[in-house]
All heavy atoms as atom14 arrays in JSON, in Angstrom:
{
  "sequence": "QRDLVARISVGGSTNYADSAKGRFTISRDNAANTVYLQMNGLKSEDTA",
  "atom14_mask": [
    [1, 1, 1, 1, 1, 1, 1, 1, 1, 0, 0, 0, 0, 0],
    [1, 1, 1, 1, 1, 1, 1, 1, 1, 1, 1, 0, 0, 0],
    [1, 1, 1, 1, 1, 1, 1, 1, 0, 0, 0, 0, 0, 0],
    [1, 1, 1, 1, 1, 1, 1, 1, 0, 0, 0, 0, 0, 0],
    [1, 1, 1, 1, 1, 1, 1, 0, 0, 0, 0, 0, 0, 0],
    [1, 1, 1, 1, 1, 0, 0, 0, 0, 0, 0, 0, 0, 0],
    [1, 1, 1, 1, 1, 1, 1, 1, 1, 1, 1, 0, 0, 0],
    [1, 1, 1, 1, 1, 1, 1, 1, 0, 0, 0, 0, 0, 0],
    [1, 1, 1, 1, 1, 1, 0, 0, 0, 0, 0, 0, 0, 0],
    [1, 1, 1, 1, 1, 1, 1, 0, 0, 0, 0, 0, 0, 0],
    [1, 1, 1, 1, 0, 0, 0, 0, 0, 0, 0, 0, 0, 0],
    [1, 1, 1, 1, 0, 0, 0, 0, 0, 0, 0, 0, 0, 0],
    [1, 1, 1, 1, 1, 1, 0, 0, 0, 0, 0, 0, 0, 0],
    [1, 1, 1, 1, 1, 1, 1, 0, 0, 0, 0, 0, 0, 0],
    [1, 1, 1, 1, 1, 1, 1, 1, 0, 0, 0, 0, 0, 0],
    [1, 1, 1, 1, 1, 1, 1, 1, 1, 1, 1, 1, 0, 0],
    [1, 1, 1, 1, 1, 0, 0, 0, 0, 0, 0, 0, 0, 0],
    [1, 1, 1, 1, 1, 1, 1, 1, 0, 0, 0, 0, 0, 0],
    [1, 1, 1, 1, 1, 1, 0, 0, 0, 0, 0, 0, 0, 0],
    [1, 1, 1, 1, 1, 0, 0, 0, 0, 0, 0, 0, 0, 0],
    [1, 1, 1, 1, 1, 1, 1, 1, 1, 0, 0, 0, 0, 0],
    [1, 1, 1, 1, 0, 0, 0, 0, 0, 0, 0, 0, 0, 0],
    [1, 1, 1, 1, 1, 1, 1, 1, 1, 1, 1, 0, 0, 0],
    [1, 1, 1, 1, 1, 1, 1, 1, 1, 1, 1, 0, 0, 0],
    [1, 1, 1, 1, 1, 1, 1, 0, 0, 0, 0, 0, 0, 0],
    [1, 1, 1, 1, 1, 1, 1, 1, 0, 0, 0, 0, 0, 0],
    [1, 1, 1, 1, 1, 1, 0, 0, 0, 0, 0, 0, 0, 0],
    [1, 1, 1, 1, 1, 1, 1, 1, 1, 1, 1, 0, 0, 0],
    [1, 1, 1, 1, 1, 1, 1, 1, 0, 0, 0, 0, 0, 0],
    [1, 1, 1, 1, 1, 1, 1, 1, 0, 0, 0, 0, 0, 0],
    [1, 1, 1, 1, 1, 0, 0, 0, 0, 0, 0, 0, 0, 0],
    [1, 1, 1, 1, 1, 0, 0, 0, 0, 0, 0, 0, 0, 0],
    [1, 1, 1, 1, 1, 1, 1, 1, 0, 0, 0, 0, 0, 0],
    [1, 1, 1, 1, 1, 1, 1, 0, 0, 0, 0, 0, 0, 0],
    [1, 1, 1, 1, 1, 1, 1, 0, 0, 0, 0, 0, 0, 0],
    [1, 1, 1, 1, 1, 1, 1, 1, 1, 1, 1, 1, 0, 0],
    [1, 1, 1, 1, 1, 1, 1, 1, 0, 0, 0, 0, 0, 0],
    [1, 1, 1, 1, 1, 1, 1, 1, 1, 0, 0, 0, 0, 0],
    [1, 1, 1, 1, 1, 1, 1, 1, 0, 0, 0, 0, 0, 0],
    [1, 1, 1, 1, 1, 1, 1, 1, 0, 0, 0, 0, 0, 0],
    [1, 1, 1, 1, 0, 0, 0, 0, 0, 0, 0, 0, 0, 0],
    [1, 1, 1, 1, 1, 1, 1, 1, 0, 0, 0, 0, 0, 0],
    [1, 1, 1, 1, 1, 1, 1, 1, 1, 0, 0, 0, 0, 0],
    [1, 1, 1, 1, 1, 1, 0, 0, 0, 0, 0, 0, 0, 0],
    [1, 1, 1, 1, 1, 1, 1, 1, 1, 0, 0, 0, 0, 0],
    [1, 1, 1, 1, 1, 1, 1, 1, 0, 0, 0, 0, 0, 0],
    [1, 1, 1, 1, 1, 1, 1, 0, 0, 0, 0, 0, 0, 0],
    [1, 1, 1, 1, 1, 0, 0, 0, 0, 0, 0, 0, 0, 0]
  ],
  "atom14_positions": [
    [[0.81, -1.2, 0.0], [0.0, 0.0, 0.0], [0.85, 1.26, 0.0], [2.04, 1.23, 0.29], [-0.91, -0.01, 1.22], [-0.18, 0.08, 2.56], [-1.15, 0.03, 3.74], [-2.3, -0.39, 3.61], [-0.71, 0.47, 4.9], [0.0, 0.0, 0.0], [0.0, 0.0, 0.0], [0.0, 0.0, 0.0], [0.0, 0.0, 0.0], [0.0, 0.0, 0.0]],
    [[0.18, 2.35, -0.34], [0.83, 3.65, -0.37], [0.57, 4.33, 0.97], [-0.57, 4.5, 1.4], [0.23, 4.48, -1.52], [0.99, 5.73, -1.84], [0.42, 6.41, -3.07], [0.6, 5.6, -4.28], [0.28, 6.02, -5.49], [-0.22, 7.23, -5.65], [0.46, 5.24, -6.55], [0.0, 0.0, 0.0], [0.0, 0.0, 0.0], [0.0, 0.0, 0.0]],
    [[1.65, 4.72, 1.64], [1.56, 5.26, 2.99], [2.04, 6.7, 3.07], [2.97, 7.09, 2.35], [2.4, 4.42, 3.97], [1.89, 3.0, 4.1], [0.66, 2.81, 4.17], [2.74, 2.08, 4.13], [0.0, 0.0, 0.0], [0.0, 0.0, 0.0], [0.0, 0.0, 0.0], [0.0, 0.0, 0.0], [0.0, 0.0, 0.0], [0.0, 0.0, 0.0]],
    [[1.46, 7.44, 3.99], [1.89, 8.81, 4.23], [3.31, 8.84, 4.77], [3.67, 8.05, 5.66], [0.96, 9.47, 5.25], [1.39, 10.84, 5.75], [1.25, 11.89, 4.66], [0.59, 11.25, 6.99], [0.0, 0.0, 0.0], [0.0, 0.0, 0.0], [0.0, 0.0, 0.0], [0.0, 0.0, 0.0], [0.0, 0.0, 0.0], [0.0, 0.0, 0.0]],
    [[4.11, 9.77, 4.26], [5.42, 10.05, 4.82], [5.37, 11.37, 5.59], [5.75, 11.43, 6.75], [6.49, 10.14, 3.71], [7.84, 10.5, 4.3], [6.57, 8.83, 2.94], [0.0, 0.0, 0.0], [0.0, 0.0, 0.0], [0.0, 0.0, 0.0], [0.0, 0.0, 0.0], [0.0, 0.0, 0.0], [0.0, 0.0, 0.0], [0.0, 0.0, 0.0]],
    [[4.9, 12.42, 4.93], [4.81, 13.74, 5.56], [3.84, 14.57, 4.76], [3.68, 14.38, 3.55], [6.17, 14.42, 5.59], [0.0, 0.0, 0.0], [0.0, 0.0, 0.0], [0.0, 0.0, 0.0], [0.0, 0.0, 0.0], [0.0, 0.0, 0.0], [0.0, 0.0, 0.0], [0.0, 0.0, 0.0], [0.0, 0.0, 0.0], [0.0, 0.0, 0.0]],
    [[3.21, 15.54, 5.44], [2.36, 16.46, 4.71], [2.36, 17.81, 5.38], [2.7, 17.95, 6.56], [0.94, 15.93, 4.57], [0.11, 15.9, 5.81], [-1.27, 15.31, 5.48], [-2.28, 15.75, 6.42], [-3.54, 15.37, 6.37], [-3.97, 14.53, 5.44], [-4.41, 15.81, 7.26], [0.0, 0.0, 0.0], [0.0, 0.0, 0.0], [0.0, 0.0, 0.0]],
    [[2.0, 18.82, 4.6], [2.0, 20.19, 5.08], [0.68, 20.83, 4.66], [0.26, 20.72, 3.5], [3.22, 20.97, 4.55], [3.27, 22.38, 5.12], [3.27, 21.0, 3.02], [4.63, 23.07, 4.9], [0.0, 0.0, 0.0], [0.0, 0.0, 0.0], [0.0, 0.0, 0.0], [0.0, 0.0, 0.0], [0.0, 0.0, 0.0], [0.0, 0.0, 0.0]],
    [[0.03, 21.48, 5.61], [-1.26, 22.07, 5.33], [-1.09, 23.46, 4.72], [0.0, 24.04, 4.74], [-2.08, 22.17, 6.61], [-1.57, 23.21, 7.42], [0.0, 0.0, 0.0], [0.0, 0.0, 0.0], [0.0, 0.0, 0.0], [0.0, 0.0, 0.0], [0.0, 0.0, 0.0], [0.0, 0.0, 0.0], [0.0, 0.0, 0.0], [0.0, 0.0, 0.0]],
    [[-2.19, 23.99, 4.23], [-2.14, 25.33, 3.66], [-1.7, 26.35, 4.7], [-1.04, 27.35, 4.37], [-3.52, 25.7, 3.05], [-4.6, 25.77, 4.12], [-3.43, 26.98, 2.25], [0.0, 0.0, 0.0], [0.0, 0.0, 0.0], [0.0, 0.0, 0.0], [0.0, 0.0, 0.0], [0.0, 0.0, 0.0], [0.0, 0.0, 0.0], [0.0, 0.0, 0.0]],
    [[-1.98, 26.07, 5.97], [-1.57, 26.97, 7.05], [-0.14, 26.77, 7.5], [0.36, 27.53, 8.33], [0.0, 0.0, 0.0], [0.0, 0.0, 0.0], [0.0, 0.0, 0.0], [0.0, 0.0, 0.0], [0.0, 0.0, 0.0], [0.0, 0.0, 0.0], [0.0, 0.0, 0.0], [0.0, 0.0, 0.0], [0.0, 0.0, 0.0], [0.0, 0.0, 0.0]],
    [[0.49, 25.72, 6.98], [1.89, 25.48, 7.3], [2.14, 24.43, 8.36], [3.3, 24.12, 8.66], [0.0, 0.0, 0.0], [0.0, 0.0, 0.0], [0.0, 0.0, 0.0], [0.0, 0.0, 0.0], [0.0, 0.0, 0.0], [0.0, 0.0, 0.0], [0.0, 0.0, 0.0], [0.0, 0.0, 0.0], [0.0, 0.0, 0.0], [0.0, 0.0, 0.0]],
    [[1.09, 23.88, 8.93], [1.33, 22.81, 9.92], [1.75, 21.54, 9.21], [1.34, 21.27, 8.07], [0.08, 22.57, 10.76], [-1.0, 22.18, 9.94], [0.0, 0.0, 0.0], [0.0, 0.0, 0.0], [0.0, 0.0, 0.0], [0.0, 0.0, 0.0], [0.0, 0.0, 0.0], [0.0, 0.0, 0.0], [0.0, 0.0, 0.0], [0.0, 0.0, 0.0]],
    [[2.58, 20.77, 9.9], [3.13, 19.55, 9.3], [2.83, 18.35, 10.17], [2.64, 18.47, 11.39], [4.65, 19.68, 9.12], [5.26, 19.9, 10.4], [4.99, 20.83, 8.2], [0.0, 0.0, 0.0], [0.0, 0.0, 0.0], [0.0, 0.0, 0.0], [0.0, 0.0, 0.0], [0.0, 0.0, 0.0], [0.0, 0.0, 0.0], [0.0, 0.0, 0.0]],
    [[2.78, 17.21, 9.54], [2.78, 15.98, 10.31], [3.53, 14.91, 9.53], [3.64, 14.96, 8.3], [1.37, 15.52, 10.7], [0.48, 15.25, 9.52], [0.12, 16.18, 8.8], [0.11, 14.0, 9.32], [0.0, 0.0, 0.0], [0.0, 0.0, 0.0], [0.0, 0.0, 0.0], [0.0, 0.0, 0.0], [0.0, 0.0, 0.0], [0.0, 0.0, 0.0]],
    [[4.08, 13.97, 10.3], [5.0, 12.98, 9.76], [4.62, 11.58, 10.23], [4.11, 11.4, 11.33], [6.42, 13.26, 10.26], [7.02, 14.55, 9.77], [6.83, 15.73, 10.46], [7.79, 14.58, 8.6], [7.38, 16.93, 10.01], [8.35, 15.76, 8.15], [8.14, 16.93, 8.85], [8.7, 18.1, 8.41], [0.0, 0.0, 0.0], [0.0, 0.0, 0.0]],
    [[4.92, 10.63, 9.39], [4.87, 9.25, 9.83], [5.94, 9.03, 10.88], [6.97, 9.71, 10.88], [5.1, 8.31, 8.65], [0.0, 0.0, 0.0], [0.0, 0.0, 0.0], [0.0, 0.0, 0.0], [0.0, 0.0, 0.0], [0.0, 0.0, 0.0], [0.0, 0.0, 0.0], [0.0, 0.0, 0.0], [0.0, 0.0, 0.0], [0.0, 0.0, 0.0]],
    [[5.69, 8.09, 11.78], [6.67, 7.82, 12.84], [8.03, 7.48, 12.24], [9.07, 7.86, 12.78], [6.18, 6.67, 13.72], [5.04, 7.09, 14.64], [4.84, 8.3, 14.82], [4.36, 6.19, 15.17], [0.0, 0.0, 0.0], [0.0, 0.0, 0.0], [0.0, 0.0, 0.0], [0.0, 0.0, 0.0], [0.0, 0.0, 0.0], [0.0, 0.0, 0.0]],
    [[8.03, 6.78, 11.13], [9.29, 6.36, 10.5], [10.08, 7.54, 9.95], [11.28, 7.43, 9.71], [9.01, 5.36, 9.39], [8.18, 5.94, 8.4], [0.0, 0.0, 0.0], [0.0, 0.0, 0.0], [0.0, 0.0, 0.0], [0.0, 0.0, 0.0], [0.0, 0.0, 0.0], [0.0, 0.0, 0.0], [0.0, 0.0, 0.0], [0.0, 0.0, 0.0]],
    [[9.4, 8.66, 9.72], [10.05, 9.83, 9.12], [10.48, 10.87, 10.16], [11.33, 11.72, 9.86], [9.11, 10.48, 8.12], [0.0, 0.0, 0.0], [0.0, 0.0, 0.0], [0.0, 0.0, 0.0], [0.0, 0.0, 0.0], [0.0, 0.0, 0.0], [0.0, 0.0, 0.0], [0.0, 0.0, 0.0], [0.0, 0.0, 0.0], [0.0, 0.0, 0.0]],
    [[9.92, 10.81, 11.32], [10.2, 11.83, 12.35], [11.68, 11.85, 12.71], [12.29, 10.8, 12.94], [9.36, 11.56, 13.6], [7.87, 11.84, 13.41], [7.07, 11.49, 14.66], [5.59, 11.74, 14.43], [4.78, 11.32, 15.6], [0.0, 0.0, 0.0], [0.0, 0.0, 0.0], [0.0, 0.0, 0.0], [0.0, 0.0, 0.0], [0.0, 0.0, 0.0]],
    [[12.23, 13.05, 12.73], [13.62, 13.22, 13.09], [14.6, 13.03, 11.95], [15.79, 13.36, 12.09], [0.0, 0.0, 0.0], [0.0, 0.0, 0.0], [0.0, 0.0, 0.0], [0.0, 0.0, 0.0], [0.0, 0.0, 0.0], [0.0, 0.0, 0.0], [0.0, 0.0, 0.0], [0.0, 0.0, 0.0], [0.0, 0.0, 0.0], [0.0, 0.0, 0.0]],
    [[14.14, 12.5, 10.83], [15.03, 12.28, 9.69], [14.58, 13.06, 8.45], [15.41, 13.5, 7.65], [15.07, 10.8, 9.34], [15.62, 9.91, 10.43], [15.84, 8.48, 9.93], [14.6, 7.86, 9.47], [14.45, 7.25, 8.3], [15.47, 7.17, 7.46], [13.29, 6.71, 7.94], [0.0, 0.0, 0.0], [0.0, 0.0, 0.0], [0.0, 0.0, 0.0]],
    [[13.29, 13.18, 8.25], [12.75, 13.83, 7.06], [12.12, 15.18, 7.44], [11.55, 15.33, 8.53], [11.67, 12.96, 6.41], [12.15, 11.65, 5.87], [13.46, 11.23, 5.97], [11.24, 10.79, 5.26], [13.88, 10.01, 5.47], [11.64, 9.57, 4.75], [12.97, 9.19, 4.86], [0.0, 0.0, 0.0], [0.0, 0.0, 0.0], [0.0, 0.0, 0.0]],
    [[12.2, 16.11, 6.5], [11.59, 17.43, 6.7], [10.84, 17.83, 5.45], [11.41, 17.83, 4.35], [12.64, 18.49, 7.01], [13.39, 18.1, 8.18], [11.98, 19.83, 7.29], [0.0, 0.0, 0.0], [0.0, 0.0, 0.0], [0.0, 0.0, 0.0], [0.0, 0.0, 0.0], [0.0, 0.0, 0.0], [0.0, 0.0, 0.0], [0.0, 0.0, 0.0]],
    [[9.57, 18.17, 5.62], [8.78, 18.69, 4.5], [8.77, 20.21, 4.59], [8.68, 20.79, 5.68], [7.35, 18.11, 4.51], [6.6, 18.49, 3.23], [6.57, 18.54, 5.75], [5.29, 17.74, 3.04], [0.0, 0.0, 0.0], [0.0, 0.0, 0.0], [0.0, 0.0, 0.0], [0.0, 0.0, 0.0], [0.0, 0.0, 0.0], [0.0, 0.0, 0.0]],
    [[8.91, 20.85, 3.44], [8.91, 22.31, 3.4], [8.33, 22.75, 2.07], [8.05, 21.92, 1.19], [10.32, 22.86, 3.58], [11.16, 22.43, 2.52], [0.0, 0.0, 0.0], [0.0, 0.0, 0.0], [0.0, 0.0, 0.0], [0.0, 0.0, 0.0], [0.0, 0.0, 0.0], [0.0, 0.0, 0.0], [0.0, 0.0, 0.0], [0.0, 0.0, 0.0]],
    [[8.19, 24.05, 1.91], [7.62, 24.54, 0.65], [8.23, 25.89, 0.29], [8.69, 26.64, 1.15], [6.1, 24.66, 0.77], [5.62, 25.71, 1.76], [4.13, 25.61, 2.0], [3.67, 26.68, 2.88], [2.48, 26.72, 3.44], [1.6, 25.75, 3.22], [2.14, 27.73, 4.23], [0.0, 0.0, 0.0], [0.0, 0.0, 0.0], [0.0, 0.0, 0.0]],
    [[8.19, 26.14, -0.99], [8.57, 27.45, -1.55], [7.31, 27.98, -2.22], [6.95, 27.54, -3.32], [9.71, 27.27, -2.54], [10.19, 28.6, -3.14], [9.39, 29.56, -3.17], [11.33, 28.65, -3.59], [0.0, 0.0, 0.0], [0.0, 0.0, 0.0], [0.0, 0.0, 0.0], [0.0, 0.0, 0.0], [0.0, 0.0, 0.0], [0.0, 0.0, 0.0]],
    [[6.66, 28.91, -1.57], [5.37, 29.38, -2.06], [5.49, 30.03, -3.44], [4.65, 29.82, -4.32], [4.76, 30.36, -1.07], [4.59, 29.76, 0.3], [4.41, 28.54, 0.43], [4.66, 30.58, 1.33], [0.0, 0.0, 0.0], [0.0, 0.0, 0.0], [0.0, 0.0, 0.0], [0.0, 0.0, 0.0], [0.0, 0.0, 0.0], [0.0, 0.0, 0.0]],
    [[6.52, 30.81, -3.61], [6.68, 31.53, -4.88], [6.91, 30.57, -6.05], [6.51, 30.87, -7.18], [7.84, 32.52, -4.78], [0.0, 0.0, 0.0], [0.0, 0.0, 0.0], [0.0, 0.0, 0.0], [0.0, 0.0, 0.0], [0.0, 0.0, 0.0], [0.0, 0.0, 0.0], [0.0, 0.0, 0.0], [0.0, 0.0, 0.0], [0.0, 0.0, 0.0]],
    [[7.54, 29.44, -5.77], [7.84, 28.48, -6.82], [6.78, 27.39, -6.92], [6.93, 26.48, -7.76], [9.2, 27.83, -6.55], [0.0, 0.0, 0.0], [0.0, 0.0, 0.0], [0.0, 0.0, 0.0], [0.0, 0.0, 0.0], [0.0, 0.0, 0.0], [0.0, 0.0, 0.0], [0.0, 0.0, 0.0], [0.0, 0.0, 0.0], [0.0, 0.0, 0.0]],
    [[5.74, 27.47, -6.08], [4.69, 26.43, -6.07], [5.29, 25.04, -5.93], [4.89, 24.1, -6.63], [3.83, 26.52, -7.33], [3.07, 27.83, -7.41], [2.7, 28.39, -6.4], [2.85, 28.31, -8.62], [0.0, 0.0, 0.0], [0.0, 0.0, 0.0], [0.0, 0.0, 0.0], [0.0, 0.0, 0.0], [0.0, 0.0, 0.0], [0.0, 0.0, 0.0]],
    [[6.24, 24.92, -5.04], [6.99, 23.67, -4.91], [7.04, 23.23, -3.45], [7.23, 24.06, -2.56], [8.41, 23.83, -5.47], [8.33, 24.19, -6.84], [9.21, 22.55, -5.33], [0.0, 0.0, 0.0], [0.0, 0.0, 0.0], [0.0, 0.0, 0.0], [0.0, 0.0, 0.0], [0.0, 0.0, 0.0], [0.0, 0.0, 0.0], [0.0, 0.0, 0.0]],
    [[6.88, 21.95, -3.27], [7.01, 21.32, -1.96], [8.21, 20.39, -2.01], [8.43, 19.7, -3.01], [5.73, 20.56, -1.57], [5.91, 19.79, -0.27], [4.57, 21.54, -1.44], [0.0, 0.0, 0.0], [0.0, 0.0, 0.0], [0.0, 0.0, 0.0], [0.0, 0.0, 0.0], [0.0, 0.0, 0.0], [0.0, 0.0, 0.0], [0.0, 0.0, 0.0]],
    [[8.95, 20.35, -0.91], [10.16, 19.55, -0.84], [10.04, 18.5, 0.27], [9.32, 18.69, 1.25], [11.37, 20.43, -0.55], [11.58, 21.53, -1.55], [11.14, 22.83, -1.27], [12.21, 21.29, -2.76], [11.32, 23.85, -2.19], [12.39, 22.3, -3.68], [11.96, 23.57, -3.39], [12.13, 24.57, -4.31], [0.0, 0.0, 0.0], [0.0, 0.0, 0.0]],
    [[10.82, 17.45, 0.1], [11.01, 16.49, 1.17], [12.51, 16.24, 1.29], [13.11, 15.62, 0.41], [10.28, 15.17, 0.89], [10.37, 14.14, 2.02], [9.59, 14.62, 3.24], [9.86, 12.77, 1.57], [0.0, 0.0, 0.0], [0.0, 0.0, 0.0], [0.0, 0.0, 0.0], [0.0, 0.0, 0.0], [0.0, 0.0, 0.0], [0.0, 0.0, 0.0]],
    [[13.08, 16.76, 2.36], [14.49, 16.52, 2.65], [14.58, 15.24, 3.46], [13.98, 15.14, 4.54], [15.08, 17.7, 3.44], [16.53, 17.5, 3.83], [17.47, 17.46, 2.64], [17.36, 18.28, 1.74], [18.42, 16.53, 2.66], [0.0, 0.0, 0.0], [0.0, 0.0, 0.0], [0.0, 0.0, 0.0], [0.0, 0.0, 0.0], [0.0, 0.0, 0.0]],
    [[15.34, 14.3, 2.96], [15.47, 13.01, 3.62], [16.92, 12.79, 4.01], [17.8, 12.73, 3.15], [15.0, 11.88, 2.68], [13.57, 12.06, 2.2], [12.96, 10.68, 1.22], [13.98, 10.85, -0.26], [0.0, 0.0, 0.0], [0.0, 0.0, 0.0], [0.0, 0.0, 0.0], [0.0, 0.0, 0.0], [0.0, 0.0, 0.0], [0.0, 0.0, 0.0]],
    [[17.17, 12.67, 5.3], [18.5, 12.43, 5.84], [18.53, 11.08, 6.55], [17.47, 10.56, 6.94], [18.88, 13.54, 6.82], [18.91, 14.91, 6.17], [19.25, 15.06, 5.0], [18.55, 15.91, 6.94], [0.0, 0.0, 0.0], [0.0, 0.0, 0.0], [0.0, 0.0, 0.0], [0.0, 0.0, 0.0], [0.0, 0.0, 0.0], [0.0, 0.0, 0.0]],
    [[19.72, 10.56, 6.73], [19.85, 9.3, 7.43], [19.05, 8.18, 6.79], [18.41, 7.38, 7.47], [0.0, 0.0, 0.0], [0.0, 0.0, 0.0], [0.0, 0.0, 0.0], [0.0, 0.0, 0.0], [0.0, 0.0, 0.0], [0.0, 0.0, 0.0], [0.0, 0.0, 0.0], [0.0, 0.0, 0.0], [0.0, 0.0, 0.0], [0.0, 0.0, 0.0]],
    [[19.13, 8.1, 5.47], [18.3, 7.13, 4.75], [18.68, 5.69, 5.12], [19.85, 5.38, 5.34], [18.4, 7.36, 3.25], [17.57, 8.56, 2.77], [18.06, 9.03, 1.4], [16.09, 8.2, 2.72], [0.0, 0.0, 0.0], [0.0, 0.0, 0.0], [0.0, 0.0, 0.0], [0.0, 0.0, 0.0], [0.0, 0.0, 0.0], [0.0, 0.0, 0.0]],
    [[17.65, 4.86, 5.16], [17.8, 3.45, 5.49], [17.27, 2.61, 4.34], [16.49, 3.09, 3.51], [17.0, 3.13, 6.76], [17.32, 4.0, 7.95], [16.39, 3.69, 9.12], [16.65, 4.59, 10.3], [15.74, 4.31, 11.44], [0.0, 0.0, 0.0], [0.0, 0.0, 0.0], [0.0, 0.0, 0.0], [0.0, 0.0, 0.0], [0.0, 0.0, 0.0]],
    [[17.66, 1.35, 4.32], [17.21, 0.48, 3.24], [15.69, 0.4, 3.2], [15.09, 0.28, 2.13], [17.82, -0.91, 3.39], [17.46, -1.48, 4.64], [0.0, 0.0, 0.0], [0.0, 0.0, 0.0], [0.0, 0.0, 0.0], [0.0, 0.0, 0.0], [0.0, 0.0, 0.0], [0.0, 0.0, 0.0], [0.0, 0.0, 0.0], [0.0, 0.0, 0.0]],
    [[15.07, 0.47, 4.35], [13.6, 0.37, 4.39], [12.9, 1.61, 3.84], [11.68, 1.62, 3.71], [13.1, 0.07, 5.8], [13.64, 0.98, 6.87], [14.84, 0.38, 7.59], [15.75, -0.19, 6.92], [14.88, 0.49, 8.84], [0.0, 0.0, 0.0], [0.0, 0.0, 0.0], [0.0, 0.0, 0.0], [0.0, 0.0, 0.0], [0.0, 0.0, 0.0]],
    [[13.67, 2.66, 3.52], [13.09, 3.84, 2.87], [12.96, 3.64, 1.36], [12.38, 4.5, 0.68], [13.94, 5.08, 3.16], [13.97, 5.44, 4.63], [12.91, 5.39, 5.27], [15.07, 5.77, 5.13], [0.0, 0.0, 0.0], [0.0, 0.0, 0.0], [0.0, 0.0, 0.0], [0.0, 0.0, 0.0], [0.0, 0.0, 0.0], [0.0, 0.0, 0.0]],
    [[13.51, 2.58, 0.85], [13.42, 2.3, -0.58], [11.96, 2.15, -0.99], [11.22, 1.34, -0.41], [14.19, 1.01, -0.93], [15.58, 1.24, -0.7], [13.98, 0.63, -2.38], [0.0, 0.0, 0.0], [0.0, 0.0, 0.0], [0.0, 0.0, 0.0], [0.0, 0.0, 0.0], [0.0, 0.0, 0.0], [0.0, 0.0, 0.0], [0.0, 0.0, 0.0]],
    [[11.54, 2.95, -1.96], [10.15, 2.96, -2.4], [10.0, 3.95, -3.55], [10.94, 4.69, -3.87], [9.22, 3.38, -1.25], [0.0, 0.0, 0.0], [0.0, 0.0, 0.0], [0.0, 0.0, 0.0], [0.0, 0.0, 0.0], [0.0, 0.0, 0.0], [0.0, 0.0, 0.0], [0.0, 0.0, 0.0], [0.0, 0.0, 0.0], [0.0, 0.0, 0.0]]
  ]
}
């Protein structure tokens, strides 16, 4: 199945899957209409 990793609301609040907390960061560039996911400390189980 397809599972949530992280999301950001229109108001800027974020939430993360437990597996992503502390390693991944979701952010956005409003002017560029772009959302990012910075992933650090990658593990084999992040393969997807």
